[in-house]
Amino acid sequence: MNQTATATTLDVRVLPCEQRRELIFSTFDGLAAGGSMEIVNDHDIKPLQGVFENLVPGKFSWEYLQKGPDLWRVAITKIGAARTGGQCCGSCGGDGH
């Protein structure tokens, strides 16, 4: 994971498949409102967009930065406070209840 002042970059190509989703959503949960992360992969992660829509509808934006054929880059930005997995991300100062 590489973090800059404006975005966190997750190169998930180096991770086993079973670890990718947990890392992506824990990183998203840690973003402040307006914060973004970039996911780098060797194939399109379009199905992940549907997972985001189910877990945090209206709380993220999805932008392709690069569309293959060998490298895919997607920027995901948190819009307002968001929760995933029923846990508060903490960006609103709430306690999750």
C-alpha atoms as a PDB file:
ATOM      1  CA  MET A   1       0.000   0.000   0.000  1.00  0.00           C
ATOM      2  CA  ASN A   2       1.303   3.448  -0.914  1.00  0.00           C
ATOM      3  CA  GLN A   3      -0.262   6.529   0.683  1.00  0.00           C
ATOM      4  CA  THR A   4       0.050  10.133  -0.442  1.00  0.00           C
ATOM      5  CA  ALA A   5      -1.614  13.281   0.870  1.00  0.00           C
ATOM      6  CA  THR A   6      -4.565  12.877  -1.468  1.00  0.00           C
ATOM      7  CA  ALA A   7      -4.905   9.172  -2.226  1.00  0.00           C
ATOM      8  CA  THR A   8      -3.966   5.700  -1.101  1.00  0.00           C
ATOM      9  CA  THR A   9      -2.797   3.298  -3.803  1.00  0.00           C
ATOM     10  CA  LEU A  10      -3.508  -0.403  -3.367  1.00  0.00           C
ATOM     11  CA  ASP A  11      -1.720  -2.657  -5.814  1.00  0.00           C
ATOM     12  CA  VAL A  12      -3.757  -5.812  -5.258  1.00  0.00           C
ATOM     13  CA  ARG A  13      -1.917  -7.769  -7.947  1.00  0.00           C
ATOM     14  CA  VAL A  14       0.583  -8.891  -5.326  1.00  0.00           C
ATOM     15  CA  LEU A  15      -2.047 -10.223  -2.900  1.00  0.00           C
ATOM     16  CA  PRO A  16      -3.812 -13.585  -2.800  1.00  0.00           C
ATOM     17  CA  CYS A  17      -7.425 -13.186  -3.964  1.00  0.00           C
ATOM     18  CA  GLU A  18      -8.849 -13.993  -0.527  1.00  0.00           C
ATOM     19  CA  GLN A  19      -7.021 -10.985   1.026  1.00  0.00           C
ATOM     20  CA  ARG A  20      -7.970  -8.341  -1.529  1.00  0.00           C
ATOM     21  CA  ARG A  21     -11.550  -7.546  -0.489  1.00  0.00           C
ATOM     22  CA  GLU A  22     -10.693  -7.196   3.203  1.00  0.00           C
ATOM     23  CA  LEU A  23      -7.842  -4.802   2.416  1.00  0.00           C
ATOM     24  CA  ILE A  24      -9.940  -2.752  -0.009  1.00  0.00           C
ATOM     25  CA  PHE A  25     -12.846  -2.299   2.406  1.00  0.00           C
ATOM     26  CA  SER A  26     -10.701  -1.675   5.477  1.00  0.00           C
ATOM     27  CA  THR A  27      -8.847   0.989   3.491  1.00  0.00           C
ATOM     28  CA  PHE A  28     -12.135   2.524   2.329  1.00  0.00           C
ATOM     29  CA  ASP A  29     -13.440   2.532   5.923  1.00  0.00           C
ATOM     30  CA  GLY A  30     -10.313   4.420   6.993  1.00  0.00           C
ATOM     31  CA  LEU A  31     -10.763   7.178   4.429  1.00  0.00           C
ATOM     32  CA  ALA A  32     -12.043  10.540   5.563  1.00  0.00           C
ATOM     33  CA  ALA A  33     -14.992  12.006   3.683  1.00  0.00           C
ATOM     34  CA  GLY A  34     -13.630  13.196   0.335  1.00  0.00           C
ATOM     35  CA  GLY A  35     -10.627  10.879   0.596  1.00  0.00           C
ATOM     36  CA  SER A  36      -9.819   8.508  -2.214  1.00  0.00           C
ATOM     37  CA  MET A  37      -7.959   5.353  -2.953  1.00  0.00           C
ATOM     38  CA  GLU A  38      -6.646   3.915  -6.179  1.00  0.00           C
ATOM     39  CA  ILE A  39      -6.831   0.196  -6.848  1.00  0.00           C
ATOM     40  CA  VAL A  40      -4.356  -1.300  -9.304  1.00  0.00           C
ATOM     41  CA  ASN A  41      -5.047  -4.747 -10.757  1.00  0.00           C
ATOM     42  CA  ASP A  42      -4.268  -6.925 -13.761  1.00  0.00           C
ATOM     43  CA  HIS A  43      -7.955  -7.318 -14.694  1.00  0.00           C
ATOM     44  CA  ASP A  44     -11.178  -5.309 -14.481  1.00  0.00           C
ATOM     45  CA  ILE A  45     -12.636  -5.160 -10.970  1.00  0.00           C
ATOM     46  CA  LYS A  46     -16.099  -4.115 -12.161  1.00  0.00           C
ATOM     47  CA  PRO A  47     -17.826  -6.762  -9.951  1.00  0.00           C
ATOM     48  CA  LEU A  48     -16.383  -4.959  -6.914  1.00  0.00           C
ATOM     49  CA  GLN A  49     -18.363  -1.873  -7.875  1.00  0.00           C
ATOM     50  CA  GLY A  50     -21.558  -3.870  -7.294  1.00  0.00           C
ATOM     51  CA  VAL A  51     -20.329  -4.888  -3.850  1.00  0.00           C
ATOM     52  CA  PHE A  52     -19.716  -1.216  -3.021  1.00  0.00           C
ATOM     53  CA  GLU A  53     -23.207  -0.355  -4.283  1.00  0.00           C
ATOM     54  CA  ASN A  54     -24.714  -2.963  -1.962  1.00  0.00           C
ATOM     55  CA  LEU A  55     -22.659  -2.064   1.120  1.00  0.00           C
ATOM     56  CA  VAL A  56     -22.345   1.726   0.859  1.00  0.00           C
ATOM     57  CA  PRO A  57     -24.878   2.965  -1.706  1.00  0.00           C
ATOM     58  CA  GLY A  58     -24.444   6.631  -2.553  1.00  0.00           C
ATOM     59  CA  LYS A  59     -21.332   6.911  -0.362  1.00  0.00           C
ATOM     60  CA  PHE A  60     -18.650   6.484  -3.021  1.00  0.00           C
ATOM     61  CA  SER A  61     -17.688   7.475  -6.532  1.00  0.00           C
ATOM     62  CA  TRP A  62     -15.992   5.106  -8.995  1.00  0.00           C
ATOM     63  CA  GLU A  63     -13.703   6.339 -11.756  1.00  0.00           C
ATOM     64  CA  TYR A  64     -11.601   4.299 -14.142  1.00  0.00           C
ATOM     65  CA  LEU A  65      -8.154   5.819 -14.523  1.00  0.00           C
ATOM     66  CA  GLN A  66      -6.880   3.097 -16.851  1.00  0.00           C
ATOM     67  CA  LYS A  67      -8.758   0.273 -18.603  1.00  0.00           C
ATOM     68  CA  GLY A  68      -6.397  -2.569 -19.544  1.00  0.00           C
ATOM     69  CA  PRO A  69      -5.501  -4.534 -21.375  1.00  0.00           C
ATOM     70  CA  ASP A  70      -2.760  -5.475 -18.893  1.00  0.00           C
ATOM     71  CA  LEU A  71      -3.276  -2.867 -16.178  1.00  0.00           C
ATOM     72  CA  TRP A  72      -6.499  -1.585 -14.627  1.00  0.00           C
ATOM     73  CA  ARG A  73      -6.646   1.408 -12.276  1.00  0.00           C
ATOM     74  CA  VAL A  74      -9.774   2.576 -10.464  1.00  0.00           C
ATOM     75  CA  ALA A  75     -10.155   5.589  -8.171  1.00  0.00           C
ATOM     76  CA  ILE A  76     -12.754   5.194  -5.415  1.00  0.00           C
ATOM     77  CA  THR A  77     -13.645   8.298  -3.416  1.00  0.00           C
ATOM     78  CA  LYS A  78     -15.635   8.323  -0.176  1.00  0.00           C
ATOM     79  CA  ILE A  79     -18.629  10.653  -0.288  1.00  0.00           C
ATOM     80  CA  GLY A  80     -19.662  11.661   3.227  1.00  0.00           C
ATOM     81  CA  ALA A  81     -19.544   9.190   6.099  1.00  0.00           C
ATOM     82  CA  ALA A  82     -19.893   5.558   5.119  1.00  0.00           C
ATOM     83  CA  ARG A  83     -20.233   2.242   6.862  1.00  0.00           C
ATOM     84  CA  THR A  84     -19.251  -1.161   5.613  1.00  0.00           C
ATOM     85  CA  GLY A  85     -19.963  -4.423   7.321  1.00  0.00           C
ATOM     86  CA  GLY A  86     -22.121  -2.648   9.903  1.00  0.00           C
ATOM     87  CA  GLN A  87     -19.180  -0.816  11.439  1.00  0.00           C
ATOM     88  CA  CYS A  88     -18.721   2.902  11.660  1.00  0.00           C
ATOM     89  CA  CYS A  89     -15.782   4.286   9.703  1.00  0.00           C
ATOM     90  CA  GLY A  90     -15.289   7.000  12.329  1.00  0.00           C
ATOM     91  CA  SER A  91     -15.176   9.883   9.849  1.00  0.00           C
ATOM     92  CA  CYS A  92     -18.307  11.467  11.312  1.00  0.00           C
ATOM     93  CA  GLY A  93     -17.116  11.173  14.911  1.00  0.00           C
ATOM     94  CA  GLY A  94     -19.952   8.782  15.710  1.00  0.00           C
ATOM     95  CA  ASP A  95     -19.656   5.602  17.694  1.00  0.00           C
ATOM     96  CA  GLY A  96     -21.333   3.351  15.132  1.00  0.00           C
ATOM     97  CA  HIS A  97     -24.781   3.352  16.753  1.00  0.00           C
END
